[in-house]
Amino acid sequence: MKKLIPLAALGALALTACGDQKTGSTTLTSNSATGQVVSSETGAGAETPKLQPGKWEIRTQVSDLKMANMPAGMPANPPAQTNTICITPEQAAKGPEEMLKQSGADCTVASNSFAGGRMESDVSCKLPGDTQMTGKTTGTFTPTSFTTDQQMEMTGRTAMSQKVRIEGKRIGECETK
């Protein structure tokens, strides 16, 4: 499961588009063979602040994990994981197109809508090994925090489903080396 973008990346992918508040939606489509990402938008809205650069604490909780041939001892509700990351000003300025280019998958992110501090996003990806992934993310965001709830399902060689809750908060400035 090394190449899977679906887990926590879905929330991050959706939130990277938080730079524009839309009353409509934005659709992004990636092509893993060419690395090309195409963006199209409908609707209009006022610009919303992006996530602030700095040191962020990200807590990820997987629940209701169901997998064909799940390894013995793998819990359906594994312990939450907390990581600290540094988001540079350059990374904060990049949109979801860059993350899709790096994913190595053929994805369409549709119905990205951000309004009044709330967000909603739908994604579908064709992954290696004839695997299809779909996910729906809903949540809230400010420039210094976000919470997302995701429902993800995969079909094909790696059939599975799970729910993922991701909470992020800015905790300070990045450490300089």
Protein backbone atom coordinates (compact mmCIF):
# COMPACT_ATOMS: atom_id res chain seq x y z
CA MET A 1 0.00 0.00 0.00
CA LYS A 2 3.00 2.25 -0.41
CA LYS A 3 1.74 4.24 -3.44
CA LEU A 4 -1.75 4.93 -2.10
CA ILE A 5 -2.61 8.61 -2.13
CA PRO A 6 -6.10 7.99 -0.77
CA LEU A 7 -5.56 7.90 2.96
CA ALA A 8 -4.55 11.20 4.47
CA ALA A 9 -3.63 12.75 1.15
CA LEU A 10 -7.27 13.23 0.21
CA GLY A 11 -7.76 15.79 2.93
CA ALA A 12 -4.52 17.55 2.13
CA LEU A 13 -5.38 17.56 -1.55
CA ALA A 14 -8.77 19.08 -0.89
CA LEU A 15 -7.36 21.71 1.45
CA THR A 16 -4.64 22.83 -0.92
CA ALA A 17 -7.43 24.36 -2.96
CA CYS A 18 -8.54 26.56 -0.05
CA GLY A 19 -7.06 29.65 -1.65
CA ASP A 20 -10.26 30.52 -3.47
CA GLN A 21 -13.75 30.55 -2.05
CA LYS A 22 -16.16 29.24 -4.66
CA THR A 23 -19.90 29.26 -4.88
CA GLY A 24 -19.39 26.83 -7.77
CA SER A 25 -16.70 24.19 -8.04
CA THR A 26 -13.24 23.40 -9.35
CA THR A 27 -12.41 20.18 -11.18
CA LEU A 28 -8.82 18.92 -11.47
CA THR A 29 -7.80 15.98 -13.65
CA SER A 30 -4.32 14.44 -13.68
CA ASN A 31 -2.61 12.15 -16.18
CA SER A 32 0.15 10.01 -14.64
CA ALA A 33 1.74 9.26 -18.02
CA THR A 34 2.31 12.92 -18.92
CA GLY A 35 2.26 14.55 -15.48
CA GLN A 36 -0.25 17.05 -16.88
CA VAL A 37 -2.98 18.46 -14.64
CA VAL A 38 -5.98 20.27 -16.10
CA SER A 39 -8.09 22.63 -13.99
CA SER A 40 -11.56 23.95 -14.82
CA GLU A 41 -13.82 26.13 -12.69
CA THR A 42 -17.48 27.04 -12.49
CA GLY A 43 -18.99 29.71 -10.29
CA ALA A 44 -17.33 32.68 -8.61
CA GLY A 45 -16.66 33.97 -5.15
CA ALA A 46 -14.51 36.18 -2.96
CA GLU A 47 -10.93 35.17 -2.27
CA THR A 48 -10.36 33.40 1.04
CA PRO A 49 -7.07 33.36 2.98
CA LYS A 50 -4.88 30.31 2.25
CA LEU A 51 -3.46 28.06 4.93
CA GLN A 52 -0.70 30.00 6.67
CA PRO A 53 2.88 28.82 6.26
CA GLY A 54 4.55 27.57 9.42
CA LYS A 55 4.78 24.55 11.67
CA TRP A 56 1.62 22.45 11.63
CA GLU A 57 0.48 19.55 13.79
CA ILE A 58 -1.61 17.04 11.85
CA ARG A 59 -3.62 14.32 13.64
CA THR A 60 -5.00 11.48 11.51
CA GLN A 61 -7.54 8.96 12.82
CA VAL A 62 -8.58 6.01 10.62
CA SER A 63 -11.78 4.22 11.60
CA ASP A 64 -14.11 1.59 10.22
CA LEU A 65 -11.27 0.04 8.17
CA LYS A 66 -12.50 -2.87 6.05
CA MET A 67 -10.16 -4.69 3.69
CA ALA A 68 -10.36 -7.89 1.68
CA ASN A 69 -7.79 -10.30 3.15
CA MET A 70 -7.02 -7.90 6.01
CA PRO A 71 -3.84 -9.05 7.77
CA ALA A 72 -4.42 -10.81 11.09
CA GLY A 73 -4.19 -8.41 14.01
CA MET A 74 -4.81 -5.27 11.94
CA PRO A 75 -7.42 -3.27 13.87
CA ALA A 76 -10.47 -1.72 12.20
CA ASN A 77 -9.80 1.38 14.32
CA PRO A 78 -6.00 1.81 14.57
CA PRO A 79 -4.52 4.38 16.96
CA ALA A 80 -4.43 7.98 15.78
CA GLN A 81 -1.17 9.27 14.35
CA THR A 82 0.12 12.78 14.96
CA ASN A 83 2.84 14.35 12.80
CA THR A 84 4.45 17.77 12.72
CA ILE A 85 5.22 19.29 9.34
CA CYS A 86 6.61 22.57 8.09
CA ILE A 87 4.65 24.32 5.33
CA THR A 88 6.89 26.82 3.57
CA PRO A 89 5.48 29.97 1.96
CA GLU A 90 6.19 28.37 -1.44
CA GLN A 91 4.27 25.22 -0.53
CA ALA A 92 1.36 27.23 0.87
CA ALA A 93 1.17 29.17 -2.40
CA LYS A 94 1.01 26.01 -4.55
CA GLY A 95 -2.37 24.68 -5.50
CA PRO A 96 -3.71 21.13 -5.69
CA GLU A 97 -2.25 20.71 -9.18
CA GLU A 98 1.24 20.20 -7.72
CA MET A 99 0.09 17.47 -5.33
CA LEU A 100 -1.69 15.65 -8.17
CA LYS A 101 1.47 15.79 -10.29
CA GLN A 102 3.43 14.13 -7.49
CA SER A 103 0.80 11.46 -6.76
CA GLY A 104 1.61 9.32 -9.82
CA ALA A 105 -2.10 8.51 -10.21
CA ASP A 106 -4.80 9.37 -12.73
CA CYS A 107 -7.23 11.41 -10.62
CA THR A 108 -10.17 13.71 -10.99
CA VAL A 109 -10.96 15.99 -8.07
CA ALA A 110 -14.48 17.27 -8.64
CA SER A 111 -16.93 19.40 -6.70
CA ASN A 112 -14.25 21.21 -4.71
CA SER A 113 -16.33 23.87 -3.00
CA PHE A 114 -15.20 26.23 -0.27
CA ALA A 115 -17.60 28.74 1.27
CA GLY A 116 -17.98 30.27 4.70
CA GLY A 117 -15.17 28.23 6.23
CA ARG A 118 -16.69 24.94 5.03
CA MET A 119 -15.39 22.66 2.31
CA GLU A 120 -16.57 19.68 0.30
CA SER A 121 -14.67 17.63 -2.25
CA ASP A 122 -15.10 14.46 -4.30
CA VAL A 123 -12.16 12.58 -5.82
CA SER A 124 -11.78 9.51 -8.01
CA CYS A 125 -8.45 7.96 -8.98
CA LYS A 126 -7.26 5.13 -11.17
CA LEU A 127 -4.33 3.55 -9.32
CA PRO A 128 -1.81 0.93 -10.40
CA GLY A 129 -3.01 -2.68 -10.48
CA ASP A 130 -6.50 -2.00 -11.87
CA THR A 131 -7.53 -0.35 -8.62
CA GLN A 132 -10.14 2.42 -8.51
CA MET A 133 -10.45 4.77 -5.55
CA THR A 134 -13.27 7.19 -4.73
CA GLY A 135 -13.52 9.51 -1.78
CA LYS A 136 -15.70 12.25 -0.37
CA THR A 137 -14.33 14.83 2.03
CA THR A 138 -16.21 17.40 4.09
CA GLY A 139 -14.81 19.75 6.69
CA THR A 140 -14.08 23.19 8.02
CA PHE A 141 -11.03 25.43 7.67
CA THR A 142 -9.44 28.69 8.71
CA PRO A 143 -5.98 29.97 7.75
CA THR A 144 -4.59 28.34 10.94
CA SER A 145 -6.68 25.16 11.37
CA PHE A 146 -8.75 22.57 9.58
CA THR A 147 -10.81 19.46 10.27
CA THR A 148 -11.84 17.00 7.56
CA ASP A 149 -13.90 13.84 7.54
CA GLN A 150 -13.38 11.47 4.62
CA GLN A 151 -15.10 8.35 3.37
CA MET A 152 -12.84 6.38 0.99
CA GLU A 153 -13.50 3.22 -0.99
CA MET A 154 -11.24 1.20 -3.26
CA THR A 155 -12.26 -1.52 -5.68
CA GLY A 156 -10.20 -3.90 -7.79
CA ARG A 157 -7.16 -5.78 -6.63
CA THR A 158 -7.00 -3.91 -3.33
CA ALA A 159 -10.63 -3.70 -2.18
CA MET A 160 -11.08 -1.68 1.00
CA SER A 161 -13.02 1.12 2.65
CA GLN A 162 -12.31 3.41 5.56
CA LYS A 163 -13.21 6.65 7.27
CA VAL A 164 -10.48 9.16 8.05
CA ARG A 165 -10.67 12.24 10.28
CA ILE A 166 -7.80 14.71 9.93
CA GLU A 167 -7.31 17.66 12.25
CA GLY A 168 -4.61 20.21 11.60
CA LYS A 169 -3.52 23.31 13.45
CA ARG A 170 -0.72 25.79 13.00
CA ILE A 171 1.49 25.67 16.09
CA GLY A 172 4.18 28.24 15.28
CA GLU A 173 6.98 29.14 12.95
CA CYS A 174 9.12 26.57 11.14
CA GLU A 175 12.47 25.93 12.75
CA THR A 176 15.39 27.30 10.79
CA LYS A 177 18.51 25.20 10.40
